[in-house]
Amino acid sequence: MAAKIRIVMKSFMSQANKVEGVIPYAQKVGLPESRSLYTVLRSPHIDKKSREQFSMHVKKQFLVQKAETHELQKKLFWLKRLRLLGAQYELQISFKTRLDKKKLQAALSSGC
């Protein structure tokens, strides 16, 4: 059965160019960018109207890569060793299995 490895990457810089060469045959989906805006008074004693604004942008990308079960260990080891500077990863692995109706009915009837 095939497994899907889903990777959510978060970083302050765009990782799109770096990921293309590193993770081959992966479906890439761009997620919305989050932005935080901070306003700070320049001088708290004299001018209240004089302010500075700082912003922080976090870019996200969603990658999906399919792997067979016999090569899953190799792919996970490779992803563990993968290092892109300034990026945070979140891995999700999902399997899709099929149940045979005859085996399921036999297991249910023998258990009763």
N, C-alpha and C. Protein backbone atom coordinates (compact mmCIF):
# COMPACT_ATOMS: atom_id res chain seq x y z
N MET A 1 0.83 -1.18 0.00
CA MET A 1 0.00 0.00 0.00
C MET A 1 0.88 1.25 0.00
N ALA A 2 0.37 2.28 -0.56
CA ALA A 2 1.12 3.53 -0.65
C ALA A 2 0.84 4.40 0.57
N ALA A 3 1.83 5.14 0.95
CA ALA A 3 1.71 6.09 2.05
C ALA A 3 1.92 7.49 1.51
N LYS A 4 1.25 8.45 2.13
CA LYS A 4 1.45 9.85 1.76
C LYS A 4 2.20 10.53 2.88
N ILE A 5 3.25 11.22 2.50
CA ILE A 5 4.02 12.03 3.45
C ILE A 5 3.66 13.47 3.18
N ARG A 6 3.09 14.12 4.18
CA ARG A 6 2.71 15.53 4.04
C ARG A 6 3.65 16.37 4.89
N ILE A 7 4.18 17.41 4.28
CA ILE A 7 5.15 18.28 4.96
C ILE A 7 4.61 19.70 4.92
N VAL A 8 4.51 20.33 6.08
CA VAL A 8 4.13 21.74 6.17
C VAL A 8 5.39 22.49 6.58
N MET A 9 5.83 23.41 5.73
CA MET A 9 7.03 24.19 6.00
C MET A 9 6.65 25.62 6.32
N LYS A 10 7.25 26.17 7.36
CA LYS A 10 7.05 27.57 7.73
C LYS A 10 8.42 28.23 7.78
N SER A 11 8.52 29.43 7.22
CA SER A 11 9.79 30.16 7.27
C SER A 11 9.54 31.64 7.05
N PHE A 12 10.55 32.43 7.36
CA PHE A 12 10.47 33.86 7.15
C PHE A 12 10.83 34.23 5.72
N MET A 13 11.55 33.35 5.04
CA MET A 13 11.92 33.57 3.64
C MET A 13 11.18 32.54 2.79
N SER A 14 11.03 32.81 1.53
CA SER A 14 10.39 31.88 0.63
C SER A 14 11.32 30.70 0.36
N GLN A 15 10.83 29.48 0.56
CA GLN A 15 11.63 28.28 0.36
C GLN A 15 11.30 27.58 -0.95
N ALA A 16 10.51 28.21 -1.82
CA ALA A 16 10.02 27.55 -3.03
C ALA A 16 11.16 27.13 -3.95
N ASN A 17 12.15 27.99 -4.15
CA ASN A 17 13.26 27.65 -5.05
C ASN A 17 14.15 26.57 -4.46
N LYS A 18 14.34 26.56 -3.16
CA LYS A 18 15.21 25.58 -2.52
C LYS A 18 14.56 24.20 -2.50
N VAL A 19 13.25 24.15 -2.36
CA VAL A 19 12.54 22.88 -2.21
C VAL A 19 12.47 22.12 -3.53
N GLU A 20 12.38 22.82 -4.65
CA GLU A 20 12.23 22.16 -5.94
C GLU A 20 13.38 21.21 -6.24
N GLY A 21 14.59 21.60 -5.93
CA GLY A 21 15.73 20.74 -6.20
C GLY A 21 15.94 19.68 -5.15
N VAL A 22 15.48 19.91 -3.94
CA VAL A 22 15.76 19.01 -2.84
C VAL A 22 14.73 17.88 -2.74
N ILE A 23 13.46 18.19 -2.91
CA ILE A 23 12.40 17.18 -2.80
C ILE A 23 11.81 16.96 -4.19
N PRO A 24 12.29 15.95 -4.91
CA PRO A 24 11.75 15.72 -6.26
C PRO A 24 10.40 15.03 -6.22
N TYR A 25 9.62 15.22 -7.25
CA TYR A 25 8.32 14.57 -7.44
C TYR A 25 7.35 14.82 -6.29
N ALA A 26 7.34 16.01 -5.78
CA ALA A 26 6.41 16.37 -4.71
C ALA A 26 5.41 17.39 -5.23
N GLN A 27 4.17 17.24 -4.80
CA GLN A 27 3.14 18.22 -5.14
C GLN A 27 3.30 19.39 -4.19
N LYS A 28 3.36 20.59 -4.74
CA LYS A 28 3.56 21.78 -3.92
C LYS A 28 2.30 22.63 -3.93
N VAL A 29 1.88 23.05 -2.74
CA VAL A 29 0.71 23.91 -2.59
C VAL A 29 1.13 25.08 -1.72
N GLY A 30 0.92 26.28 -2.20
CA GLY A 30 1.24 27.48 -1.42
C GLY A 30 0.11 27.79 -0.46
N LEU A 31 0.44 27.99 0.78
CA LEU A 31 -0.55 28.35 1.80
C LEU A 31 -0.50 29.86 2.03
N PRO A 32 -1.54 30.43 2.60
CA PRO A 32 -1.54 31.89 2.80
C PRO A 32 -0.43 32.34 3.75
N GLU A 33 0.05 33.52 3.49
CA GLU A 33 1.12 34.11 4.28
C GLU A 33 0.50 34.82 5.48
N SER A 34 1.09 34.64 6.65
CA SER A 34 0.59 35.36 7.83
C SER A 34 1.50 36.55 8.09
N ARG A 35 0.92 37.64 8.52
CA ARG A 35 1.66 38.87 8.73
C ARG A 35 1.27 39.47 10.07
N SER A 36 2.27 39.81 10.86
CA SER A 36 2.04 40.47 12.15
C SER A 36 2.67 41.85 12.09
N LEU A 37 1.92 42.86 12.51
CA LEU A 37 2.38 44.24 12.47
C LEU A 37 2.48 44.77 13.90
N TYR A 38 3.63 45.32 14.24
CA TYR A 38 3.88 45.86 15.57
C TYR A 38 4.17 47.35 15.45
N THR A 39 3.58 48.16 16.32
CA THR A 39 3.82 49.60 16.34
C THR A 39 4.47 49.95 17.68
N VAL A 40 5.58 50.69 17.61
CA VAL A 40 6.34 51.06 18.81
C VAL A 40 6.52 52.57 18.81
N LEU A 41 6.34 53.18 19.98
CA LEU A 41 6.61 54.62 20.12
C LEU A 41 8.12 54.85 20.07
N ARG A 42 8.54 55.84 19.30
CA ARG A 42 9.97 56.14 19.22
C ARG A 42 10.46 56.79 20.51
N SER A 43 9.71 57.72 21.00
CA SER A 43 10.09 58.39 22.24
C SER A 43 8.85 58.43 23.14
N PRO A 44 8.81 57.66 24.18
CA PRO A 44 7.60 57.62 25.01
C PRO A 44 7.37 58.88 25.84
N HIS A 45 8.40 59.76 25.97
CA HIS A 45 8.24 60.92 26.84
C HIS A 45 7.76 62.17 26.11
N ILE A 46 8.21 62.38 24.85
CA ILE A 46 7.95 63.66 24.20
C ILE A 46 6.89 63.54 23.11
N ASP A 47 7.20 62.84 22.02
CA ASP A 47 6.31 62.80 20.85
C ASP A 47 5.56 61.48 20.81
N LYS A 48 4.27 61.56 21.05
CA LYS A 48 3.45 60.36 20.94
C LYS A 48 3.14 60.05 19.48
N LYS A 49 3.18 61.06 18.61
CA LYS A 49 2.85 60.85 17.21
C LYS A 49 4.00 60.21 16.44
N SER A 50 5.18 60.25 16.99
CA SER A 50 6.33 59.66 16.31
C SER A 50 6.39 58.17 16.65
N ARG A 51 6.10 57.33 15.66
CA ARG A 51 6.04 55.88 15.87
C ARG A 51 6.79 55.14 14.78
N GLU A 52 7.19 53.91 15.11
CA GLU A 52 7.82 53.02 14.13
C GLU A 52 6.97 51.77 14.01
N GLN A 53 6.92 51.22 12.80
CA GLN A 53 6.17 49.98 12.59
C GLN A 53 7.11 48.89 12.10
N PHE A 54 6.95 47.71 12.68
CA PHE A 54 7.72 46.54 12.30
C PHE A 54 6.73 45.45 11.89
N SER A 55 7.09 44.70 10.88
CA SER A 55 6.22 43.61 10.45
C SER A 55 7.01 42.31 10.37
N MET A 56 6.30 41.21 10.59
CA MET A 56 6.89 39.88 10.52
C MET A 56 6.02 39.05 9.58
N HIS A 57 6.61 38.55 8.51
CA HIS A 57 5.90 37.74 7.52
C HIS A 57 6.34 36.29 7.66
N VAL A 58 5.38 35.38 7.75
CA VAL A 58 5.66 33.95 7.82
C VAL A 58 5.05 33.30 6.58
N LYS A 59 5.91 32.73 5.75
CA LYS A 59 5.45 32.07 4.52
C LYS A 59 5.31 30.58 4.79
N LYS A 60 4.25 29.98 4.24
CA LYS A 60 3.98 28.56 4.46
C LYS A 60 3.88 27.85 3.12
N GLN A 61 4.28 26.60 3.12
CA GLN A 61 4.18 25.77 1.92
C GLN A 61 3.82 24.36 2.35
N PHE A 62 2.97 23.72 1.56
CA PHE A 62 2.48 22.38 1.84
C PHE A 62 2.98 21.45 0.74
N LEU A 63 3.68 20.40 1.10
CA LEU A 63 4.23 19.45 0.14
C LEU A 63 3.63 18.08 0.40
N VAL A 64 3.30 17.37 -0.67
CA VAL A 64 2.78 16.01 -0.56
C VAL A 64 3.65 15.11 -1.43
N GLN A 65 4.16 14.04 -0.83
CA GLN A 65 4.99 13.10 -1.56
C GLN A 65 4.49 11.69 -1.25
N LYS A 66 4.34 10.89 -2.29
CA LYS A 66 3.88 9.51 -2.12
C LYS A 66 5.08 8.58 -2.02
N ALA A 67 4.93 7.54 -1.18
CA ALA A 67 6.01 6.57 -1.00
C ALA A 67 5.40 5.20 -0.76
N GLU A 68 6.06 4.19 -1.25
CA GLU A 68 5.65 2.81 -0.96
C GLU A 68 6.14 2.44 0.44
N THR A 69 5.52 1.42 1.03
CA THR A 69 5.86 1.07 2.41
C THR A 69 7.29 0.55 2.54
N HIS A 70 7.81 -0.13 1.52
CA HIS A 70 9.17 -0.66 1.62
C HIS A 70 10.23 0.44 1.52
N GLU A 71 9.89 1.60 0.94
CA GLU A 71 10.86 2.70 0.86
C GLU A 71 10.56 3.82 1.84
N LEU A 72 9.60 3.60 2.73
CA LEU A 72 9.19 4.65 3.68
C LEU A 72 10.31 4.97 4.67
N GLN A 73 11.00 3.95 5.16
CA GLN A 73 12.08 4.19 6.12
C GLN A 73 13.20 5.02 5.50
N LYS A 74 13.53 4.73 4.26
CA LYS A 74 14.57 5.48 3.56
C LYS A 74 14.17 6.94 3.37
N LYS A 75 12.90 7.17 3.01
CA LYS A 75 12.42 8.55 2.81
C LYS A 75 12.41 9.33 4.12
N LEU A 76 11.98 8.69 5.22
CA LEU A 76 11.96 9.37 6.51
C LEU A 76 13.37 9.71 6.99
N PHE A 77 14.30 8.80 6.79
CA PHE A 77 15.68 9.08 7.14
C PHE A 77 16.22 10.24 6.33
N TRP A 78 15.88 10.26 5.03
CA TRP A 78 16.31 11.33 4.14
C TRP A 78 15.70 12.67 4.56
N LEU A 79 14.41 12.68 4.94
CA LEU A 79 13.77 13.92 5.39
C LEU A 79 14.35 14.40 6.72
N LYS A 80 14.74 13.45 7.57
CA LYS A 80 15.35 13.82 8.85
C LYS A 80 16.70 14.50 8.62
N ARG A 81 17.45 14.01 7.63
CA ARG A 81 18.75 14.59 7.34
C ARG A 81 18.68 15.86 6.51
N LEU A 82 17.52 16.13 5.91
CA LEU A 82 17.33 17.31 5.08
C LEU A 82 17.40 18.56 5.95
N ARG A 83 18.23 19.49 5.54
CA ARG A 83 18.37 20.72 6.33
C ARG A 83 18.26 21.92 5.41
N LEU A 84 17.15 22.64 5.55
CA LEU A 84 17.00 23.93 4.89
C LEU A 84 17.04 24.97 5.99
N LEU A 85 17.98 25.87 5.90
CA LEU A 85 18.17 26.84 6.97
C LEU A 85 16.98 27.79 7.05
N GLY A 86 16.54 28.05 8.25
CA GLY A 86 15.46 29.01 8.48
C GLY A 86 14.08 28.46 8.23
N ALA A 87 13.90 27.14 8.22
CA ALA A 87 12.59 26.55 7.96
C ALA A 87 12.20 25.62 9.10
N GLN A 88 10.91 25.59 9.39
CA GLN A 88 10.36 24.71 10.41
C GLN A 88 9.47 23.68 9.70
N TYR A 89 9.59 22.41 10.06
CA TYR A 89 8.87 21.34 9.39
C TYR A 89 7.84 20.72 10.31
N GLU A 90 6.77 20.24 9.72
CA GLU A 90 5.80 19.41 10.42
C GLU A 90 5.47 18.27 9.47
N LEU A 91 5.71 17.03 9.90
CA LEU A 91 5.49 15.86 9.05
C LEU A 91 4.21 15.15 9.47
N GLN A 92 3.43 14.72 8.49
CA GLN A 92 2.23 13.91 8.73
C GLN A 92 2.29 12.74 7.75
N ILE A 93 2.09 11.52 8.25
CA ILE A 93 2.12 10.34 7.40
C ILE A 93 0.76 9.67 7.49
N SER A 94 0.20 9.33 6.32
CA SER A 94 -1.09 8.66 6.31
C SER A 94 -1.03 7.46 5.38
N PHE A 95 -1.73 6.40 5.77
CA PHE A 95 -1.81 5.18 4.98
C PHE A 95 -3.25 4.97 4.56
N LYS A 96 -3.41 4.41 3.39
CA LYS A 96 -4.74 4.05 2.92
C LYS A 96 -4.74 2.53 2.75
N THR A 97 -5.59 1.86 3.51
CA THR A 97 -5.65 0.41 3.45
C THR A 97 -7.02 -0.02 2.96
N ARG A 98 -7.06 -1.21 2.41
CA ARG A 98 -8.32 -1.77 1.95
C ARG A 98 -8.59 -3.06 2.72
N LEU A 99 -9.82 -3.21 3.15
CA LEU A 99 -10.21 -4.41 3.87
C LEU A 99 -10.97 -5.34 2.93
N ASP A 100 -10.66 -6.61 3.02
CA ASP A 100 -11.38 -7.61 2.23
C ASP A 100 -12.66 -7.97 3.00
N LYS A 101 -13.82 -7.93 2.34
CA LYS A 101 -15.10 -8.18 3.01
C LYS A 101 -15.17 -9.58 3.58
N LYS A 102 -14.67 -10.58 2.85
CA LYS A 102 -14.74 -11.96 3.32
C LYS A 102 -13.91 -12.15 4.58
N LYS A 103 -12.70 -11.58 4.61
CA LYS A 103 -11.85 -11.70 5.78
C LYS A 103 -12.46 -10.97 6.97
N LEU A 104 -13.07 -9.82 6.70
CA LEU A 104 -13.69 -9.05 7.77
C LEU A 104 -14.89 -9.79 8.35
N GLN A 105 -15.73 -10.37 7.50
CA GLN A 105 -16.89 -11.13 7.99
C GLN A 105 -16.46 -12.37 8.74
N ALA A 106 -15.40 -13.03 8.27
CA ALA A 106 -14.89 -14.22 8.96
C ALA A 106 -14.35 -13.84 10.33
N ALA A 107 -13.68 -12.72 10.42
CA ALA A 107 -13.12 -12.28 11.71
C ALA A 107 -14.25 -11.89 12.67
N LEU A 108 -15.29 -11.25 12.16
CA LEU A 108 -16.41 -10.86 13.00
C LEU A 108 -17.21 -12.07 13.47
N SER A 109 -17.41 -13.04 12.60
CA SER A 109 -18.20 -14.22 12.97
C SER A 109 -17.43 -15.12 13.93
N SER A 110 -16.10 -15.22 13.81
CA SER A 110 -15.33 -16.04 14.72
C SER A 110 -15.19 -15.38 16.09
N GLY A 111 -15.27 -14.07 16.14
CA GLY A 111 -15.15 -13.34 17.40
C GLY A 111 -16.43 -13.39 18.23
N CYS A 112 -17.59 -13.68 17.64
CA CYS A 112 -18.85 -13.69 18.37
C CYS A 112 -19.09 -14.94 19.13
